[in-house]
C-alpha atoms as a PDB file:
ATOM      1  CA  MET A   1      61.945 154.003 193.909  1.00  0.00           C
ATOM      2  CA  THR A   2      63.466 151.468 195.284  1.00  0.00           C
ATOM      3  CA  ALA A   3      66.147 151.111 192.290  1.00  0.00           C
ATOM      4  CA  ASP A   4      68.377 154.307 193.056  1.00  0.00           C
ATOM      5  CA  LEU A   5      68.951 152.582 195.792  1.00  0.00           C
ATOM      6  CA  LEU A   6      70.179 149.906 194.598  1.00  0.00           C
ATOM      7  CA  LEU A   7      72.333 151.560 192.162  1.00  0.00           C
ATOM      8  CA  ARG A   8      74.131 153.216 194.826  1.00  0.00           C
ATOM      9  CA  HIS A   9      77.042 152.046 197.338  1.00  0.00           C
ATOM     10  CA  CYS A  10      77.680 152.382 200.866  1.00  0.00           C
ATOM     11  CA  GLN A  11      80.378 156.020 201.583  1.00  0.00           C
ATOM     12  CA  ALA A  12      82.509 155.523 204.954  1.00  0.00           C
ATOM     13  CA  CYS A  13      80.909 158.165 207.721  1.00  0.00           C
ATOM     14  CA  LYS A  14      83.532 160.892 208.358  1.00  0.00           C
ATOM     15  CA  THR A  15      84.302 162.516 211.444  1.00  0.00           C
ATOM     16  CA  GLY A  16      81.458 164.903 211.941  1.00  0.00           C
ATOM     17  CA  ASP A  17      78.731 163.171 210.052  1.00  0.00           C
ATOM     18  CA  THR A  18      75.689 163.418 211.936  1.00  0.00           C
ATOM     19  CA  ALA A  19      72.356 161.079 211.747  1.00  0.00           C
ATOM     20  CA  LEU A  20      69.412 161.934 209.081  1.00  0.00           C
ATOM     21  CA  SER A  21      66.773 164.057 210.464  1.00  0.00           C
ATOM     22  CA  ALA A  22      63.101 162.448 210.817  1.00  0.00           C
ATOM     23  CA  SER A  23      61.489 164.070 208.235  1.00  0.00           C
ATOM     24  CA  ALA A  24      64.600 162.861 205.909  1.00  0.00           C
ATOM     25  CA  ALA A  25      64.475 159.096 207.058  1.00  0.00           C
ATOM     26  CA  SER A  26      60.935 158.945 206.462  1.00  0.00           C
ATOM     27  CA  GLU A  27      61.305 160.164 203.100  1.00  0.00           C
ATOM     28  CA  LEU A  28      63.523 157.286 202.377  1.00  0.00           C
ATOM     29  CA  LEU A  29      61.762 154.565 204.496  1.00  0.00           C
ATOM     30  CA  GLN A  30      58.921 155.443 201.718  1.00  0.00           C
ATOM     31  CA  ARG A  31      61.202 154.132 199.284  1.00  0.00           C
ATOM     32  CA  LEU A  32      61.132 150.571 201.145  1.00  0.00           C
ATOM     33  CA  GLU A  33      58.239 148.079 201.205  1.00  0.00           C
ATOM     34  CA  GLY A  34      57.847 146.713 205.009  1.00  0.00           C
ATOM     35  CA  TRP A  35      60.550 148.095 206.969  1.00  0.00           C
ATOM     36  CA  THR A  36      59.143 149.680 209.862  1.00  0.00           C
ATOM     37  CA  LEU A  37      60.971 152.630 211.868  1.00  0.00           C
ATOM     38  CA  GLN A  38      62.371 152.374 215.335  1.00  0.00           C
ATOM     39  CA  GLU A  39      63.377 155.588 217.137  1.00  0.00           C
ATOM     40  CA  LYS A  40      67.525 155.247 215.618  1.00  0.00           C
ATOM     41  CA  SER A  41      66.986 152.114 213.368  1.00  0.00           C
ATOM     42  CA  ILE A  42      65.233 150.565 210.907  1.00  0.00           C
ATOM     43  CA  ARG A  43      63.633 146.688 210.815  1.00  0.00           C
ATOM     44  CA  LYS A  44      62.178 144.244 208.374  1.00  0.00           C
ATOM     45  CA  THR A  45      61.225 140.638 209.063  1.00  0.00           C
ATOM     46  CA  PHE A  46      61.906 138.127 206.564  1.00  0.00           C
ATOM     47  CA  ALA A  47      60.007 134.613 206.754  1.00  0.00           C
ATOM     48  CA  PHE A  48      60.935 131.633 204.850  1.00  0.00           C
ATOM     49  CA  LYS A  49      60.005 127.172 204.834  1.00  0.00           C
ATOM     50  CA  ASP A  50      63.017 126.137 206.615  1.00  0.00           C
ATOM     51  CA  TYR A  51      66.076 126.607 208.532  1.00  0.00           C
ATOM     52  CA  TYR A  52      67.875 125.811 205.609  1.00  0.00           C
ATOM     53  CA  GLN A  53      66.549 129.019 203.505  1.00  0.00           C
ATOM     54  CA  THR A  54      66.982 131.006 206.613  1.00  0.00           C
ATOM     55  CA  ILE A  55      70.688 130.624 206.498  1.00  0.00           C
ATOM     56  CA  ALA A  56      71.028 130.920 202.782  1.00  0.00           C
ATOM     57  CA  PHE A  57      68.955 133.693 203.424  1.00  0.00           C
ATOM     58  CA  VAL A  58      71.855 135.472 205.790  1.00  0.00           C
ATOM     59  CA  ASN A  59      74.845 134.096 203.769  1.00  0.00           C
ATOM     60  CA  ALA A  60      73.949 135.797 201.849  1.00  0.00           C
ATOM     61  CA  ILE A  61      73.399 139.347 203.330  1.00  0.00           C
ATOM     62  CA  ALA A  62      76.356 138.815 205.332  1.00  0.00           C
ATOM     63  CA  TRP A  63      78.668 139.063 201.165  1.00  0.00           C
ATOM     64  CA  MET A  64      76.628 141.672 200.253  1.00  0.00           C
ATOM     65  CA  THR A  65      77.121 143.326 203.490  1.00  0.00           C
ATOM     66  CA  HIS A  66      80.967 142.491 203.614  1.00  0.00           C
ATOM     67  CA  ARG A  67      81.021 144.159 199.960  1.00  0.00           C
ATOM     68  CA  GLU A  68      79.172 147.323 201.418  1.00  0.00           C
ATOM     69  CA  ASP A  69      81.073 147.134 204.692  1.00  0.00           C
ATOM     70  CA  HIS A  70      77.750 147.901 205.828  1.00  0.00           C
ATOM     71  CA  HIS A  71      76.533 145.295 208.874  1.00  0.00           C
ATOM     72  CA  PRO A  72      73.115 144.356 210.464  1.00  0.00           C
ATOM     73  CA  ASP A  73      71.787 143.477 213.976  1.00  0.00           C
ATOM     74  CA  LEU A  74      70.329 139.891 213.000  1.00  0.00           C
ATOM     75  CA  GLN A  75      68.052 137.891 214.922  1.00  0.00           C
ATOM     76  CA  VAL A  76      68.107 134.140 213.280  1.00  0.00           C
ATOM     77  CA  GLY A  77      65.385 131.649 214.199  1.00  0.00           C
ATOM     78  CA  TYR A  78      64.174 128.413 212.694  1.00  0.00           C
ATOM     79  CA  ASN A  79      62.335 130.306 209.591  1.00  0.00           C
ATOM     80  CA  ARG A  80      62.663 133.990 210.005  1.00  0.00           C
ATOM     81  CA  CYS A  81      65.736 136.358 210.124  1.00  0.00           C
ATOM     82  CA  THR A  82      65.361 140.054 211.416  1.00  0.00           C
ATOM     83  CA  VAL A  83      67.529 142.604 210.215  1.00  0.00           C
ATOM     84  CA  GLU A  84      67.835 145.952 211.670  1.00  0.00           C
ATOM     85  CA  TYR A  85      70.082 148.860 210.678  1.00  0.00           C
ATOM     86  CA  SER A  86      72.136 151.605 211.568  1.00  0.00           C
ATOM     87  CA  THR A  87      75.247 153.655 211.933  1.00  0.00           C
ATOM     88  CA  HIS A  88      76.783 153.286 215.268  1.00  0.00           C
ATOM     89  CA  SER A  89      78.756 156.174 214.187  1.00  0.00           C
ATOM     90  CA  VAL A  90      75.915 158.763 214.175  1.00  0.00           C
ATOM     91  CA  GLY A  91      74.555 157.428 216.536  1.00  0.00           C
ATOM     92  CA  GLY A  92      71.089 156.935 214.331  1.00  0.00           C
ATOM     93  CA  LEU A  93      70.289 156.159 210.590  1.00  0.00           C
ATOM     94  CA  SER A  94      72.176 157.051 207.689  1.00  0.00           C
ATOM     95  CA  GLU A  95      72.205 156.896 203.885  1.00  0.00           C
ATOM     96  CA  ASN A  96      73.454 153.634 204.370  1.00  0.00           C
ATOM     97  CA  ASP A  97      71.146 151.966 206.091  1.00  0.00           C
ATOM     98  CA  PHE A  98      68.839 152.418 203.491  1.00  0.00           C
ATOM     99  CA  ILE A  99      70.934 151.527 200.658  1.00  0.00           C
ATOM    100  CA  CYS A 100      71.655 147.994 202.420  1.00  0.00           C
ATOM    101  CA  ALA A 101      67.951 148.159 203.088  1.00  0.00           C
ATOM    102  CA  ALA A 102      67.343 148.106 199.165  1.00  0.00           C
ATOM    103  CA  LYS A 103      69.719 145.346 199.110  1.00  0.00           C
ATOM    104  CA  VAL A 104      68.462 142.893 201.443  1.00  0.00           C
ATOM    105  CA  ASP A 105      65.116 143.091 200.001  1.00  0.00           C
ATOM    106  CA  ALA A 106      66.030 142.413 196.313  1.00  0.00           C
ATOM    107  CA  LEU A 107      68.424 139.302 197.815  1.00  0.00           C
ATOM    108  CA  TYR A 108      64.952 138.197 199.594  1.00  0.00           C
ATOM    109  CA  GLN A 109      63.441 138.261 195.759  1.00  0.00           C
ATOM    110  CA  SER A 110      65.675 135.937 194.321  1.00  0.00           C
END
């Protein structure tokens, strides 16, 4: 199920675009493992052996999100990184958030 999200790329939001409905967000969330739905965002914490692995992961996320032009909020600790996605221009979640979340999961598994 995640494969379809991995093959897609983020699309720029246009004026007038709105956030996904709660049901659409819940449906997309089911394609992801371990992500939680907040009010207007999705979030997941990733665990690592040490700081070096954590920062390597953060750098990989930075590279991927630069290419997708859709950037998360990151909370970085010694052996963990929490990734949170929302689309500020629509005031909630967009499909871009789920596309990037799937790509973050793929980075973690590689």
